[in-house]
Amino acid sequence: MQTLGIVAVAVIVILSIAAVKTVIPNEKVSKPCLIGYKAACSFTPISTAILILAAIGTFILAKNVILV
């Protein structure tokens, strides 16, 4: 695997973990998220979507760069 491929996989994994982490409930936070429960991120549905889209974009970009 090329170095770029390894970096792309690492970025995709990190973004995916961050997306999952944003929806995990956390009672220690001060205010609820936009959905209504206390999550690790107060912008939970928006931040999760942004992170998922970034992971998909990284995958598509890496796929096009590596295959060219």
C-alpha atoms as a PDB file:
ATOM      1  CA  MET A   1       0.000   0.000   0.000  1.00  0.00           C
ATOM      2  CA  GLN A   2       1.287   3.450  -0.844  1.00  0.00           C
ATOM      3  CA  THR A   3       1.998   6.045   1.798  1.00  0.00           C
ATOM      4  CA  LEU A   4      -0.896   8.172   0.536  1.00  0.00           C
ATOM      5  CA  GLY A   5      -3.207   5.197   0.886  1.00  0.00           C
ATOM      6  CA  ILE A   6      -2.117   4.579   4.458  1.00  0.00           C
ATOM      7  CA  VAL A   7      -2.635   8.241   5.337  1.00  0.00           C
ATOM      8  CA  ALA A   8      -6.071   8.221   3.674  1.00  0.00           C
ATOM      9  CA  VAL A   9      -7.127   5.125   5.616  1.00  0.00           C
ATOM     10  CA  ALA A  10      -5.911   6.696   8.870  1.00  0.00           C
ATOM     11  CA  VAL A  11      -7.850   9.912   8.172  1.00  0.00           C
ATOM     12  CA  ILE A  12     -11.000   7.964   7.299  1.00  0.00           C
ATOM     13  CA  VAL A  13     -10.741   5.895  10.491  1.00  0.00           C
ATOM     14  CA  ILE A  14     -10.184   9.006  12.628  1.00  0.00           C
ATOM     15  CA  LEU A  15     -13.140  10.826  11.040  1.00  0.00           C
ATOM     16  CA  SER A  16     -15.367   7.769  11.484  1.00  0.00           C
ATOM     17  CA  ILE A  17     -14.438   7.388  15.147  1.00  0.00           C
ATOM     18  CA  ALA A  18     -15.045  11.104  15.704  1.00  0.00           C
ATOM     19  CA  ALA A  19     -18.476  10.818  14.028  1.00  0.00           C
ATOM     20  CA  VAL A  20     -19.470   7.958  16.320  1.00  0.00           C
ATOM     21  CA  LYS A  21     -18.083   9.776  19.358  1.00  0.00           C
ATOM     22  CA  THR A  22     -20.290  12.823  18.724  1.00  0.00           C
ATOM     23  CA  VAL A  23     -23.503  10.830  19.214  1.00  0.00           C
ATOM     24  CA  ILE A  24     -22.483   9.070  22.442  1.00  0.00           C
ATOM     25  CA  PRO A  25     -24.534  10.309  25.405  1.00  0.00           C
ATOM     26  CA  ASN A  26     -22.601  12.139  28.117  1.00  0.00           C
ATOM     27  CA  GLU A  27     -24.354  13.294  31.276  1.00  0.00           C
ATOM     28  CA  LYS A  28     -21.483  15.582  32.311  1.00  0.00           C
ATOM     29  CA  VAL A  29     -22.064  18.157  29.559  1.00  0.00           C
ATOM     30  CA  SER A  30     -23.822  21.404  30.402  1.00  0.00           C
ATOM     31  CA  LYS A  31     -26.434  21.607  27.639  1.00  0.00           C
ATOM     32  CA  PRO A  32     -28.285  19.136  25.420  1.00  0.00           C
ATOM     33  CA  CYS A  33     -27.567  18.639  21.724  1.00  0.00           C
ATOM     34  CA  LEU A  34     -29.924  19.695  18.936  1.00  0.00           C
ATOM     35  CA  ILE A  35     -31.711  16.335  19.116  1.00  0.00           C
ATOM     36  CA  GLY A  36     -32.544  16.869  22.785  1.00  0.00           C
ATOM     37  CA  TYR A  37     -30.252  14.614  24.811  1.00  0.00           C
ATOM     38  CA  LYS A  38     -26.886  15.397  26.387  1.00  0.00           C
ATOM     39  CA  ALA A  39     -24.289  14.198  23.894  1.00  0.00           C
ATOM     40  CA  ALA A  40     -20.540  14.719  23.693  1.00  0.00           C
ATOM     41  CA  CYS A  41     -21.124  17.393  21.034  1.00  0.00           C
ATOM     42  CA  SER A  42     -23.909  19.977  21.277  1.00  0.00           C
ATOM     43  CA  PHE A  43     -24.191  20.098  17.455  1.00  0.00           C
ATOM     44  CA  THR A  44     -24.638  16.334  17.207  1.00  0.00           C
ATOM     45  CA  PRO A  45     -26.663  15.794  14.042  1.00  0.00           C
ATOM     46  CA  ILE A  46     -24.785  18.487  12.127  1.00  0.00           C
ATOM     47  CA  SER A  47     -21.284  17.575  13.291  1.00  0.00           C
ATOM     48  CA  THR A  48     -21.907  13.882  12.703  1.00  0.00           C
ATOM     49  CA  ALA A  49     -23.057  14.539   9.140  1.00  0.00           C
ATOM     50  CA  ILE A  50     -20.047  16.786   8.455  1.00  0.00           C
ATOM     51  CA  LEU A  51     -17.629  14.149   9.735  1.00  0.00           C
ATOM     52  CA  ILE A  52     -19.288  11.378   7.721  1.00  0.00           C
ATOM     53  CA  LEU A  53     -19.239  13.523   4.575  1.00  0.00           C
ATOM     54  CA  ALA A  54     -15.564  14.345   5.189  1.00  0.00           C
ATOM     55  CA  ALA A  55     -14.761  10.625   5.507  1.00  0.00           C
ATOM     56  CA  ILE A  56     -16.645   9.862   2.282  1.00  0.00           C
ATOM     57  CA  GLY A  57     -14.911  12.768   0.531  1.00  0.00           C
ATOM     58  CA  THR A  58     -11.517  11.544   1.700  1.00  0.00           C
ATOM     59  CA  PHE A  59     -12.321   8.060   0.429  1.00  0.00           C
ATOM     60  CA  ILE A  60     -13.402   9.328  -2.996  1.00  0.00           C
ATOM     61  CA  LEU A  61     -10.411  11.659  -3.283  1.00  0.00           C
ATOM     62  CA  ALA A  62      -7.955   8.958  -2.244  1.00  0.00           C
ATOM     63  CA  LYS A  63      -9.559   6.444  -4.594  1.00  0.00           C
ATOM     64  CA  ASN A  64      -9.245   8.841  -7.548  1.00  0.00           C
ATOM     65  CA  VAL A  65      -5.675   9.884  -6.708  1.00  0.00           C
ATOM     66  CA  ILE A  66      -4.387   6.368  -6.045  1.00  0.00           C
ATOM     67  CA  LEU A  67      -6.006   4.826  -9.118  1.00  0.00           C
ATOM     68  CA  VAL A  68      -4.772   7.551 -11.486  1.00  0.00           C
END
